[in-house]
Amino acid sequence: MKKYVLKRTLTLIPVLFVVSVAIFMLVHIAPGDPAAALLGDRASQAEIDALRERMGLNDPLPVQYVNWVGGVLRGDLGESVFMQGSMTQILAEHMGPTLALTGWAVLLATLFAVPLGILAAKNQGRLADHLVSVTSMVGISMPSFLLGLLLVLLFAVQLQWLPAWGYVSIREGGFLAHLRSLILPAIALGFIESGLMIRMTRSAMLEVLQSDYIRMCKAKGVSPSGIFLKHALRNSLISILTVVGQSFMVLLSGATVVETVFNIPGIGQLTVNSVLRRDYEVIQAVVLLVSVMNVLICLVLDLLYGLIDPRARAGGEGV
């Protein structure tokens, strides 16, 4: 197992290198000048050139890349010229709300979708299966911003049960206030992924239920509940874990719209504002952080595969 973990960890190095180069190039080839955006329309060309020199924007791109990566390796993500602060502090302030929102969205989607997918597989071709399929199609088709607005209209405006916008951390208001501030955006964000989870869970369960060893269990007289829970569900875990992990990555990267609708000060809003200002340091740091988190999620999934299925671990150790 140690060899498997080491090999999977070492594969992250070339991936992160390619990601860092792609991030740096995409940011710097985009149109716009951060120095001109910072100084405004009334600044002279001499003032803009002087600020570009101080910001290091006149250096060749390879030099800028090496300086940036060197700072990242030292734990220095740079400073935002527009926000007047270190990137570490800025990211810490904005990443917390996004991680909390994404975590609740994935949790609610999983608790909602996986049991429904199992129910649909168990009742293939029956009314329950059709109802669950309709639910999954609604989840896939419903835009998150539209669902968010409908939830606000119903639960915040009409019933006045929950707040319409804002974010409250556990440290500031306690767990209940934190949950109240995120329950609506979490539902709006996670519902679209729950539709995909339902379909993937159902497909994985049906594939296992139609395999030869399940027929062998039936022939040996194993109870239907034992076949379903002990054999079918256990052997479907890899597919279920895959879709849950992918959902976390998708929601983490795509929470911008929901954060805007519910006025949550997360990474999504920070990224949009930074793109408009051409704040290179913030854009690079945010995209790199999200990319690293996605890569780490993939690593965790690989390790979980090895724990659940020894065949996956044996294949990885043989690479």
C-alpha atoms as a PDB file:
ATOM      1  CA  MET A   1       0.000   0.000   0.000  1.00  0.00           C
ATOM      2  CA  LYS A   2       2.889   2.395   0.772  1.00  0.00           C
ATOM      3  CA  LYS A   3       4.337   1.841  -2.696  1.00  0.00           C
ATOM      4  CA  TYR A   4       0.919   2.507  -4.244  1.00  0.00           C
ATOM      5  CA  VAL A   5       0.538   5.764  -2.281  1.00  0.00           C
ATOM      6  CA  LEU A   6       4.068   6.882  -3.235  1.00  0.00           C
ATOM      7  CA  LYS A   7       3.538   6.235  -6.952  1.00  0.00           C
ATOM      8  CA  ARG A   8       0.203   8.050  -6.965  1.00  0.00           C
ATOM      9  CA  THR A   9       1.740  11.007  -5.128  1.00  0.00           C
ATOM     10  CA  LEU A  10       4.701  11.274  -7.514  1.00  0.00           C
ATOM     11  CA  THR A  11       2.351  11.448 -10.489  1.00  0.00           C
ATOM     12  CA  LEU A  12       1.127  14.794  -9.124  1.00  0.00           C
ATOM     13  CA  ILE A  13       4.438  16.556  -9.886  1.00  0.00           C
ATOM     14  CA  PRO A  14       4.215  16.649 -13.718  1.00  0.00           C
ATOM     15  CA  VAL A  15       0.492  17.366 -13.510  1.00  0.00           C
ATOM     16  CA  LEU A  16       1.019  20.385 -11.265  1.00  0.00           C
ATOM     17  CA  PHE A  17       3.857  21.622 -13.492  1.00  0.00           C
ATOM     18  CA  VAL A  18       1.656  21.543 -16.590  1.00  0.00           C
ATOM     19  CA  VAL A  19      -1.174  23.189 -14.657  1.00  0.00           C
ATOM     20  CA  SER A  20       1.079  26.003 -13.439  1.00  0.00           C
ATOM     21  CA  VAL A  21       2.372  26.715 -16.968  1.00  0.00           C
ATOM     22  CA  ALA A  22      -1.159  26.690 -18.400  1.00  0.00           C
ATOM     23  CA  ILE A  23      -2.448  29.039 -15.697  1.00  0.00           C
ATOM     24  CA  PHE A  24       0.430  31.473 -16.132  1.00  0.00           C
ATOM     25  CA  MET A  25       0.185  31.596 -19.921  1.00  0.00           C
ATOM     26  CA  LEU A  26      -3.599  31.944 -20.042  1.00  0.00           C
ATOM     27  CA  VAL A  27      -3.533  34.819 -17.568  1.00  0.00           C
ATOM     28  CA  HIS A  28      -0.719  36.712 -19.274  1.00  0.00           C
ATOM     29  CA  ILE A  29      -1.881  36.330 -22.867  1.00  0.00           C
ATOM     30  CA  ALA A  30      -5.346  37.654 -21.975  1.00  0.00           C
ATOM     31  CA  PRO A  31      -5.986  41.207 -23.224  1.00  0.00           C
ATOM     32  CA  GLY A  32      -5.715  44.077 -20.771  1.00  0.00           C
ATOM     33  CA  ASP A  33      -3.042  45.814 -18.709  1.00  0.00           C
ATOM     34  CA  PRO A  34      -3.255  45.606 -14.893  1.00  0.00           C
ATOM     35  CA  ALA A  35      -1.112  48.727 -14.526  1.00  0.00           C
ATOM     36  CA  ALA A  36      -3.452  50.747 -16.730  1.00  0.00           C
ATOM     37  CA  ALA A  37      -6.497  49.324 -14.940  1.00  0.00           C
ATOM     38  CA  LEU A  38      -5.035  50.254 -11.562  1.00  0.00           C
ATOM     39  CA  LEU A  39      -4.089  53.823 -12.471  1.00  0.00           C
ATOM     40  CA  GLY A  40      -7.252  54.599 -14.420  1.00  0.00           C
ATOM     41  CA  ASP A  41      -7.953  56.438 -17.664  1.00  0.00           C
ATOM     42  CA  ARG A  42      -6.298  59.683 -16.569  1.00  0.00           C
ATOM     43  CA  ALA A  43      -2.848  58.164 -16.072  1.00  0.00           C
ATOM     44  CA  SER A  44      -0.110  59.056 -18.513  1.00  0.00           C
ATOM     45  CA  GLN A  45       1.818  56.466 -20.461  1.00  0.00           C
ATOM     46  CA  ALA A  46       4.947  57.295 -18.429  1.00  0.00           C
ATOM     47  CA  GLU A  47       3.117  56.531 -15.176  1.00  0.00           C
ATOM     48  CA  ILE A  48       1.799  53.273 -16.593  1.00  0.00           C
ATOM     49  CA  ASP A  49       5.264  52.230 -17.792  1.00  0.00           C
ATOM     50  CA  ALA A  50       6.752  53.059 -14.377  1.00  0.00           C
ATOM     51  CA  LEU A  51       4.133  50.956 -12.574  1.00  0.00           C
ATOM     52  CA  ARG A  52       4.645  48.068 -15.004  1.00  0.00           C
ATOM     53  CA  GLU A  53       8.350  48.161 -14.179  1.00  0.00           C
ATOM     54  CA  ARG A  54       7.671  48.063 -10.424  1.00  0.00           C
ATOM     55  CA  MET A  55       5.226  45.166 -10.889  1.00  0.00           C
ATOM     56  CA  GLY A  56       7.753  43.208 -12.979  1.00  0.00           C
ATOM     57  CA  LEU A  57       5.463  43.106 -16.008  1.00  0.00           C
ATOM     58  CA  ASN A  58       8.234  44.259 -18.340  1.00  0.00           C
ATOM     59  CA  ASP A  59      10.340  41.169 -17.642  1.00  0.00           C
ATOM     60  CA  PRO A  60      10.253  38.333 -20.200  1.00  0.00           C
ATOM     61  CA  LEU A  61       7.475  35.828 -19.571  1.00  0.00           C
ATOM     62  CA  PRO A  62       9.886  32.977 -18.641  1.00  0.00           C
ATOM     63  CA  VAL A  63      11.456  35.225 -15.992  1.00  0.00           C
ATOM     64  CA  GLN A  64       8.039  36.175 -14.639  1.00  0.00           C
ATOM     65  CA  TYR A  65       7.046  32.500 -14.522  1.00  0.00           C
ATOM     66  CA  VAL A  66      10.187  31.453 -12.649  1.00  0.00           C
ATOM     67  CA  ASN A  67       9.724  34.285 -10.159  1.00  0.00           C
ATOM     68  CA  TRP A  68       6.115  33.332  -9.605  1.00  0.00           C
ATOM     69  CA  VAL A  69       6.748  29.591  -9.203  1.00  0.00           C
ATOM     70  CA  GLY A  70       9.707  30.309  -6.921  1.00  0.00           C
ATOM     71  CA  GLY A  71       7.456  32.365  -4.681  1.00  0.00           C
ATOM     72  CA  VAL A  72       4.769  29.673  -4.681  1.00  0.00           C
ATOM     73  CA  LEU A  73       7.291  27.010  -3.642  1.00  0.00           C
ATOM     74  CA  ARG A  74       8.357  29.267  -0.749  1.00  0.00           C
ATOM     75  CA  GLY A  75       4.732  29.714   0.276  1.00  0.00           C
ATOM     76  CA  ASP A  76       4.607  33.253  -1.082  1.00  0.00           C
ATOM     77  CA  LEU A  77       1.654  33.653  -3.457  1.00  0.00           C
ATOM     78  CA  GLY A  78       2.364  37.349  -3.970  1.00  0.00           C
ATOM     79  CA  GLU A  79       0.312  40.402  -3.111  1.00  0.00           C
ATOM     80  CA  SER A  80      -2.750  41.917  -4.718  1.00  0.00           C
ATOM     81  CA  VAL A  81      -2.107  45.448  -5.911  1.00  0.00           C
ATOM     82  CA  PHE A  82      -5.823  46.231  -5.962  1.00  0.00           C
ATOM     83  CA  MET A  83      -6.822  44.644  -2.635  1.00  0.00           C
ATOM     84  CA  GLN A  84      -3.713  45.769  -0.751  1.00  0.00           C
ATOM     85  CA  GLY A  85      -2.956  42.504   1.011  1.00  0.00           C
ATOM     86  CA  SER A  86      -1.102  39.226   0.823  1.00  0.00           C
ATOM     87  CA  MET A  87      -2.620  36.485  -1.277  1.00  0.00           C
ATOM     88  CA  THR A  88      -2.513  34.034   1.630  1.00  0.00           C
ATOM     89  CA  GLN A  89      -4.805  36.240   3.697  1.00  0.00           C
ATOM     90  CA  ILE A  90      -7.103  37.035   0.763  1.00  0.00           C
ATOM     91  CA  LEU A  91      -7.487  33.366  -0.174  1.00  0.00           C
ATOM     92  CA  ALA A  92      -8.110  32.363   3.437  1.00  0.00           C
ATOM     93  CA  GLU A  93     -10.922  34.903   3.726  1.00  0.00           C
ATOM     94  CA  HIS A  94     -12.658  33.845   0.507  1.00  0.00           C
ATOM     95  CA  MET A  95     -11.934  30.115   0.379  1.00  0.00           C
ATOM     96  CA  GLY A  96     -13.789  29.352   3.619  1.00  0.00           C
ATOM     97  CA  PRO A  97     -17.256  30.312   2.316  1.00  0.00           C
ATOM     98  CA  THR A  98     -16.700  28.467  -0.980  1.00  0.00           C
ATOM     99  CA  LEU A  99     -15.510  25.272   0.722  1.00  0.00           C
ATOM    100  CA  ALA A 100     -18.421  25.395   3.174  1.00  0.00           C
ATOM    101  CA  LEU A 101     -20.932  25.941   0.362  1.00  0.00           C
ATOM    102  CA  THR A 102     -19.428  23.188  -1.793  1.00  0.00           C
ATOM    103  CA  GLY A 103     -19.204  20.763   1.123  1.00  0.00           C
ATOM    104  CA  TRP A 104     -22.844  21.221   2.081  1.00  0.00           C
ATOM    105  CA  ALA A 105     -23.936  21.016  -1.560  1.00  0.00           C
ATOM    106  CA  VAL A 106     -22.113  17.709  -2.112  1.00  0.00           C
ATOM    107  CA  LEU A 107     -23.380  16.304   1.196  1.00  0.00           C
ATOM    108  CA  LEU A 108     -27.003  17.172   0.463  1.00  0.00           C
ATOM    109  CA  ALA A 109     -26.731  15.939  -3.129  1.00  0.00           C
ATOM    110  CA  THR A 110     -25.208  12.629  -1.995  1.00  0.00           C
ATOM    111  CA  LEU A 111     -27.786  12.036   0.744  1.00  0.00           C
ATOM    112  CA  PHE A 112     -30.544  12.796  -1.757  1.00  0.00           C
ATOM    113  CA  ALA A 113     -29.219  11.094  -4.887  1.00  0.00           C
ATOM    114  CA  VAL A 114     -27.535   7.862  -3.790  1.00  0.00           C
ATOM    115  CA  PRO A 115     -30.594   6.395  -1.997  1.00  0.00           C
ATOM    116  CA  LEU A 116     -32.777   7.362  -4.961  1.00  0.00           C
ATOM    117  CA  GLY A 117     -30.345   5.735  -7.398  1.00  0.00           C
ATOM    118  CA  ILE A 118     -30.351   2.560  -5.324  1.00  0.00           C
ATOM    119  CA  LEU A 119     -34.162   2.645  -5.138  1.00  0.00           C
ATOM    120  CA  ALA A 120     -34.406   3.011  -8.918  1.00  0.00           C
ATOM    121  CA  ALA A 121     -32.031   0.099  -9.516  1.00  0.00           C
ATOM    122  CA  LYS A 122     -33.912  -2.106  -7.072  1.00  0.00           C
ATOM    123  CA  ASN A 123     -37.216  -1.338  -8.806  1.00  0.00           C
ATOM    124  CA  GLN A 124     -36.019  -1.341 -12.414  1.00  0.00           C
ATOM    125  CA  GLY A 125     -38.879  -0.775 -14.863  1.00  0.00           C
ATOM    126  CA  ARG A 126     -41.418  -0.032 -12.126  1.00  0.00           C
ATOM    127  CA  LEU A 127     -43.150   3.195 -11.133  1.00  0.00           C
ATOM    128  CA  ALA A 128     -40.478   4.109  -8.588  1.00  0.00           C
ATOM    129  CA  ASP A 129     -37.780   3.785 -11.254  1.00  0.00           C
ATOM    130  CA  HIS A 130     -39.674   6.090 -13.628  1.00  0.00           C
ATOM    131  CA  LEU A 131     -40.313   8.700 -10.928  1.00  0.00           C
ATOM    132  CA  VAL A 132     -36.649   8.731  -9.944  1.00  0.00           C
ATOM    133  CA  SER A 133     -35.618   9.047 -13.602  1.00  0.00           C
ATOM    134  CA  VAL A 134     -37.885  12.086 -13.996  1.00  0.00           C
ATOM    135  CA  THR A 135     -36.361  13.598 -10.853  1.00  0.00           C
ATOM    136  CA  SER A 136     -32.843  13.107 -12.202  1.00  0.00           C
ATOM    137  CA  MET A 137     -33.768  14.724 -15.520  1.00  0.00           C
ATOM    138  CA  VAL A 138     -35.217  17.741 -13.695  1.00  0.00           C
ATOM    139  CA  GLY A 139     -32.015  18.022 -11.667  1.00  0.00           C
ATOM    140  CA  ILE A 140     -29.811  17.907 -14.750  1.00  0.00           C
ATOM    141  CA  SER A 141     -31.976  20.405 -16.652  1.00  0.00           C
ATOM    142  CA  MET A 142     -32.612  22.984 -13.911  1.00  0.00           C
ATOM    143  CA  PRO A 143     -30.122  25.915 -13.946  1.00  0.00           C
ATOM    144  CA  SER A 144     -28.681  26.584 -10.501  1.00  0.00           C
ATOM    145  CA  PHE A 145     -29.360  30.322 -10.617  1.00  0.00           C
ATOM    146  CA  LEU A 146     -33.024  29.770 -11.517  1.00  0.00           C
ATOM    147  CA  LEU A 147     -33.499  27.231  -8.744  1.00  0.00           C
ATOM    148  CA  GLY A 148     -31.762  29.624  -6.352  1.00  0.00           C
ATOM    149  CA  LEU A 149     -34.129  32.450  -7.229  1.00  0.00           C
ATOM    150  CA  LEU A 150     -37.161  30.167  -6.829  1.00  0.00           C
ATOM    151  CA  LEU A 151     -35.916  29.008  -3.418  1.00  0.00           C
ATOM    152  CA  VAL A 152     -35.387  32.608  -2.301  1.00  0.00           C
ATOM    153  CA  LEU A 153     -38.873  33.569  -3.476  1.00  0.00           C
ATOM    154  CA  LEU A 154     -40.491  30.681  -1.608  1.00  0.00           C
ATOM    155  CA  PHE A 155     -38.502  30.229   1.606  1.00  0.00           C
ATOM    156  CA  ALA A 156     -37.096  33.737   2.123  1.00  0.00           C
ATOM    157  CA  VAL A 157     -39.736  36.077   0.686  1.00  0.00           C
ATOM    158  CA  GLN A 158     -43.019  34.190   1.034  1.00  0.00           C
ATOM    159  CA  LEU A 159     -42.463  31.963   4.071  1.00  0.00           C
ATOM    160  CA  GLN A 160     -39.605  34.009   5.624  1.00  0.00           C
ATOM    161  CA  TRP A 161     -38.049  30.882   7.089  1.00  0.00           C
ATOM    162  CA  LEU A 162     -34.507  31.418   5.829  1.00  0.00           C
ATOM    163  CA  PRO A 163     -32.296  34.412   4.922  1.00  0.00           C
ATOM    164  CA  ALA A 164     -32.284  35.476   1.287  1.00  0.00           C
ATOM    165  CA  TRP A 165     -28.575  36.244   1.064  1.00  0.00           C
ATOM    166  CA  GLY A 166     -25.312  36.485   2.998  1.00  0.00           C
ATOM    167  CA  TYR A 167     -22.898  34.108   4.682  1.00  0.00           C
ATOM    168  CA  VAL A 168     -22.399  33.427   8.387  1.00  0.00           C
ATOM    169  CA  SER A 169     -19.423  31.354   9.511  1.00  0.00           C
ATOM    170  CA  ILE A 170     -19.644  28.921  12.416  1.00  0.00           C
ATOM    171  CA  ARG A 171     -17.200  31.053  14.367  1.00  0.00           C
ATOM    172  CA  GLU A 172     -19.309  34.187  13.948  1.00  0.00           C
ATOM    173  CA  GLY A 173     -22.850  32.919  14.506  1.00  0.00           C
ATOM    174  CA  GLY A 174     -22.690  29.276  15.522  1.00  0.00           C
ATOM    175  CA  PHE A 175     -23.655  26.133  13.643  1.00  0.00           C
ATOM    176  CA  LEU A 176     -27.378  26.859  13.291  1.00  0.00           C
ATOM    177  CA  ALA A 177     -26.873  30.347  11.832  1.00  0.00           C
ATOM    178  CA  HIS A 178     -24.170  28.955   9.548  1.00  0.00           C
ATOM    179  CA  LEU A 179     -26.505  26.234   8.286  1.00  0.00           C
ATOM    180  CA  ARG A 180     -29.394  28.680   7.804  1.00  0.00           C
ATOM    181  CA  SER A 181     -27.210  30.930   5.653  1.00  0.00           C
ATOM    182  CA  LEU A 182     -26.065  28.088   3.373  1.00  0.00           C
ATOM    183  CA  ILE A 183     -29.006  25.699   3.123  1.00  0.00           C
ATOM    184  CA  LEU A 184     -30.669  27.465   0.167  1.00  0.00           C
ATOM    185  CA  PRO A 185     -27.493  28.061  -1.892  1.00  0.00           C
ATOM    186  CA  ALA A 186     -26.344  24.502  -1.126  1.00  0.00           C
ATOM    187  CA  ILE A 187     -29.596  23.074  -2.474  1.00  0.00           C
ATOM    188  CA  ALA A 188     -29.419  25.320  -5.543  1.00  0.00           C
ATOM    189  CA  LEU A 189     -25.811  24.329  -6.215  1.00  0.00           C
ATOM    190  CA  GLY A 190     -26.102  20.628  -5.449  1.00  0.00           C
ATOM    191  CA  PHE A 191     -29.415  19.806  -7.101  1.00  0.00           C
ATOM    192  CA  ILE A 192     -28.007  19.769 -10.627  1.00  0.00           C
ATOM    193  CA  GLU A 193     -25.257  17.340  -9.557  1.00  0.00           C
ATOM    194  CA  SER A 194     -27.762  15.161  -7.728  1.00  0.00           C
ATOM    195  CA  GLY A 195     -29.387  14.338 -11.064  1.00  0.00           C
ATOM    196  CA  LEU A 196     -26.087  13.021 -12.393  1.00  0.00           C
ATOM    197  CA  MET A 197     -25.440  11.123  -9.150  1.00  0.00           C
ATOM    198  CA  ILE A 198     -28.831   9.406  -9.415  1.00  0.00           C
ATOM    199  CA  ARG A 199     -28.170   8.212 -12.953  1.00  0.00           C
ATOM    200  CA  MET A 200     -24.624   7.034 -12.195  1.00  0.00           C
ATOM    201  CA  THR A 201     -25.669   5.215  -9.018  1.00  0.00           C
ATOM    202  CA  ARG A 202     -28.524   3.494 -10.803  1.00  0.00           C
ATOM    203  CA  SER A 203     -26.309   2.460 -13.720  1.00  0.00           C
ATOM    204  CA  ALA A 204     -23.558   1.153 -11.435  1.00  0.00           C
ATOM    205  CA  MET A 205     -26.008  -0.876  -9.357  1.00  0.00           C
ATOM    206  CA  LEU A 206     -27.709  -2.375 -12.412  1.00  0.00           C
ATOM    207  CA  GLU A 207     -24.368  -3.335 -13.945  1.00  0.00           C
ATOM    208  CA  VAL A 208     -23.374  -5.198 -10.795  1.00  0.00           C
ATOM    209  CA  LEU A 209     -26.792  -6.829 -10.364  1.00  0.00           C
ATOM    210  CA  GLN A 210     -26.532  -8.279 -13.874  1.00  0.00           C
ATOM    211  CA  SER A 211     -23.092  -9.822 -13.327  1.00  0.00           C
ATOM    212  CA  ASP A 212     -22.406 -13.558 -13.123  1.00  0.00           C
ATOM    213  CA  TYR A 213     -21.457 -13.704  -9.456  1.00  0.00           C
ATOM    214  CA  ILE A 214     -24.797 -12.125  -8.487  1.00  0.00           C
ATOM    215  CA  ARG A 215     -26.537 -14.931 -10.386  1.00  0.00           C
ATOM    216  CA  MET A 216     -24.340 -17.370  -8.460  1.00  0.00           C
ATOM    217  CA  CYS A 217     -25.424 -15.807  -5.158  1.00  0.00           C
ATOM    218  CA  LYS A 218     -29.059 -16.154  -6.161  1.00  0.00           C
ATOM    219  CA  ALA A 219     -28.495 -19.782  -7.103  1.00  0.00           C
ATOM    220  CA  LYS A 220     -26.945 -20.444  -3.691  1.00  0.00           C
ATOM    221  CA  GLY A 221     -30.014 -19.047  -1.969  1.00  0.00           C
ATOM    222  CA  VAL A 222     -28.577 -15.792  -0.655  1.00  0.00           C
ATOM    223  CA  SER A 223     -31.357 -13.472   0.492  1.00  0.00           C
ATOM    224  CA  PRO A 224     -32.264 -10.547  -1.816  1.00  0.00           C
ATOM    225  CA  SER A 225     -31.343  -8.010   0.873  1.00  0.00           C
ATOM    226  CA  GLY A 226     -27.959  -9.707   1.388  1.00  0.00           C
ATOM    227  CA  ILE A 227     -27.281  -9.692  -2.352  1.00  0.00           C
ATOM    228  CA  PHE A 228     -28.292  -6.068  -2.684  1.00  0.00           C
ATOM    229  CA  LEU A 229     -26.479  -4.597   0.306  1.00  0.00           C
ATOM    230  CA  LYS A 230     -23.490  -6.884   0.845  1.00  0.00           C
ATOM    231  CA  HIS A 231     -22.549  -7.606  -2.753  1.00  0.00           C
ATOM    232  CA  ALA A 232     -24.155  -5.160  -5.206  1.00  0.00           C
ATOM    233  CA  LEU A 233     -23.781  -1.962  -3.179  1.00  0.00           C
ATOM    234  CA  ARG A 234     -20.245  -2.765  -2.055  1.00  0.00           C
ATOM    235  CA  ASN A 235     -19.067  -3.439  -5.593  1.00  0.00           C
ATOM    236  CA  SER A 236     -20.724  -0.244  -6.844  1.00  0.00           C
ATOM    237  CA  LEU A 237     -18.864   1.967  -4.362  1.00  0.00           C
ATOM    238  CA  ILE A 238     -16.047   2.827  -6.766  1.00  0.00           C
ATOM    239  CA  SER A 239     -18.462   4.235  -9.335  1.00  0.00           C
ATOM    240  CA  ILE A 240     -20.400   6.091  -6.625  1.00  0.00           C
ATOM    241  CA  LEU A 241     -17.214   7.527  -5.114  1.00  0.00           C
ATOM    242  CA  THR A 242     -16.096   8.629  -8.565  1.00  0.00           C
ATOM    243  CA  VAL A 243     -19.232  10.629  -9.260  1.00  0.00           C
ATOM    244  CA  VAL A 244     -19.213  12.145  -5.755  1.00  0.00           C
ATOM    245  CA  GLY A 245     -15.577  13.225  -6.151  1.00  0.00           C
ATOM    246  CA  GLN A 246     -16.218  14.620  -9.616  1.00  0.00           C
ATOM    247  CA  SER A 247     -19.241  16.492  -8.284  1.00  0.00           C
ATOM    248  CA  PHE A 248     -17.122  18.119  -5.594  1.00  0.00           C
ATOM    249  CA  MET A 249     -14.604  19.268  -8.201  1.00  0.00           C
ATOM    250  CA  VAL A 250     -17.318  20.582 -10.527  1.00  0.00           C
ATOM    251  CA  LEU A 251     -19.144  22.437  -7.764  1.00  0.00           C
ATOM    252  CA  LEU A 252     -15.945  23.861  -6.300  1.00  0.00           C
ATOM    253  CA  SER A 253     -15.023  25.321  -9.671  1.00  0.00           C
ATOM    254  CA  GLY A 254     -18.543  26.370 -10.655  1.00  0.00           C
ATOM    255  CA  ALA A 255     -19.973  27.999  -7.539  1.00  0.00           C
ATOM    256  CA  THR A 256     -19.622  31.513  -8.969  1.00  0.00           C
ATOM    257  CA  VAL A 257     -23.223  31.912 -10.133  1.00  0.00           C
ATOM    258  CA  VAL A 258     -24.735  30.706  -6.861  1.00  0.00           C
ATOM    259  CA  GLU A 259     -22.331  32.864  -4.849  1.00  0.00           C
ATOM    260  CA  THR A 260     -23.464  35.848  -6.892  1.00  0.00           C
ATOM    261  CA  VAL A 261     -27.183  35.102  -6.458  1.00  0.00           C
ATOM    262  CA  PHE A 262     -26.847  34.673  -2.675  1.00  0.00           C
ATOM    263  CA  ASN A 263     -24.104  37.301  -2.203  1.00  0.00           C
ATOM    264  CA  ILE A 264     -21.614  34.854  -0.689  1.00  0.00           C
ATOM    265  CA  PRO A 265     -18.074  36.298  -0.493  1.00  0.00           C
ATOM    266  CA  GLY A 266     -16.344  33.237  -1.906  1.00  0.00           C
ATOM    267  CA  ILE A 267     -13.709  32.384  -4.455  1.00  0.00           C
ATOM    268  CA  GLY A 268     -16.149  32.775  -7.344  1.00  0.00           C
ATOM    269  CA  GLN A 269     -16.851  36.441  -6.678  1.00  0.00           C
ATOM    270  CA  LEU A 270     -13.163  37.060  -6.008  1.00  0.00           C
ATOM    271  CA  THR A 271     -12.219  35.534  -9.361  1.00  0.00           C
ATOM    272  CA  VAL A 272     -14.792  37.511 -11.351  1.00  0.00           C
ATOM    273  CA  ASN A 273     -13.743  40.809  -9.763  1.00  0.00           C
ATOM    274  CA  SER A 274     -10.063  40.007 -10.294  1.00  0.00           C
ATOM    275  CA  VAL A 275     -10.597  39.203 -13.982  1.00  0.00           C
ATOM    276  CA  LEU A 276     -12.346  42.534 -14.497  1.00  0.00           C
ATOM    277  CA  ARG A 277      -9.440  44.351 -12.803  1.00  0.00           C
ATOM    278  CA  ARG A 278      -6.735  42.251 -14.522  1.00  0.00           C
ATOM    279  CA  ASP A 279      -5.361  41.419 -11.063  1.00  0.00           C
ATOM    280  CA  TYR A 280      -2.842  38.790 -12.201  1.00  0.00           C
ATOM    281  CA  GLU A 281      -1.692  37.731  -8.736  1.00  0.00           C
ATOM    282  CA  VAL A 282      -5.205  36.952  -7.520  1.00  0.00           C
ATOM    283  CA  ILE A 283      -6.239  35.133 -10.708  1.00  0.00           C
ATOM    284  CA  GLN A 284      -3.113  32.969 -10.716  1.00  0.00           C
ATOM    285  CA  ALA A 285      -3.378  32.153  -7.027  1.00  0.00           C
ATOM    286  CA  VAL A 286      -7.085  31.290  -7.159  1.00  0.00           C
ATOM    287  CA  VAL A 287      -6.871  29.098 -10.249  1.00  0.00           C
ATOM    288  CA  LEU A 288      -3.742  27.364  -8.943  1.00  0.00           C
ATOM    289  CA  LEU A 289      -5.376  26.708  -5.570  1.00  0.00           C
ATOM    290  CA  VAL A 290      -8.522  25.255  -7.137  1.00  0.00           C
ATOM    291  CA  SER A 291      -6.426  23.147  -9.524  1.00  0.00           C
ATOM    292  CA  VAL A 292      -4.308  21.795  -6.671  1.00  0.00           C
ATOM    293  CA  MET A 293      -7.438  20.920  -4.714  1.00  0.00           C
ATOM    294  CA  ASN A 294      -8.869  19.084  -7.714  1.00  0.00           C
ATOM    295  CA  VAL A 295      -5.644  17.130  -8.133  1.00  0.00           C
ATOM    296  CA  LEU A 296      -5.651  16.243  -4.424  1.00  0.00           C
ATOM    297  CA  ILE A 297      -9.257  15.085  -4.659  1.00  0.00           C
ATOM    298  CA  CYS A 298      -8.243  12.781  -7.528  1.00  0.00           C
ATOM    299  CA  LEU A 299      -5.398  11.452  -5.363  1.00  0.00           C
ATOM    300  CA  VAL A 300      -7.766  10.775  -2.464  1.00  0.00           C
ATOM    301  CA  LEU A 301     -10.126   8.959  -4.826  1.00  0.00           C
ATOM    302  CA  ASP A 302      -7.261   6.814  -6.129  1.00  0.00           C
ATOM    303  CA  LEU A 303      -6.293   5.888  -2.574  1.00  0.00           C
ATOM    304  CA  LEU A 304      -9.886   5.048  -1.701  1.00  0.00           C
ATOM    305  CA  TYR A 305     -10.084   2.847  -4.803  1.00  0.00           C
ATOM    306  CA  GLY A 306      -7.052   0.963  -3.519  1.00  0.00           C
ATOM    307  CA  LEU A 307      -8.689   0.434  -0.137  1.00  0.00           C
ATOM    308  CA  ILE A 308     -12.020  -0.696  -1.562  1.00  0.00           C
ATOM    309  CA  ASP A 309     -10.714  -2.838  -4.422  1.00  0.00           C
ATOM    310  CA  PRO A 310      -7.325  -4.574  -3.986  1.00  0.00           C
ATOM    311  CA  ARG A 311      -7.183  -5.102  -7.758  1.00  0.00           C
ATOM    312  CA  ALA A 312      -6.842  -1.347  -8.277  1.00  0.00           C
ATOM    313  CA  ARG A 313      -3.996  -1.217  -5.775  1.00  0.00           C
ATOM    314  CA  ALA A 314      -2.233  -4.147  -7.435  1.00  0.00           C
ATOM    315  CA  GLY A 315      -2.526  -2.482 -10.833  1.00  0.00           C
ATOM    316  CA  GLY A 316      -1.102   0.788  -9.487  1.00  0.00           C
ATOM    317  CA  GLU A 317       1.818  -0.923  -7.773  1.00  0.00           C
ATOM    318  CA  GLY A 318       2.690  -2.674 -10.997  1.00  0.00           C
ATOM    319  CA  VAL A 319       3.037   0.566 -12.954  1.00  0.00           C
END
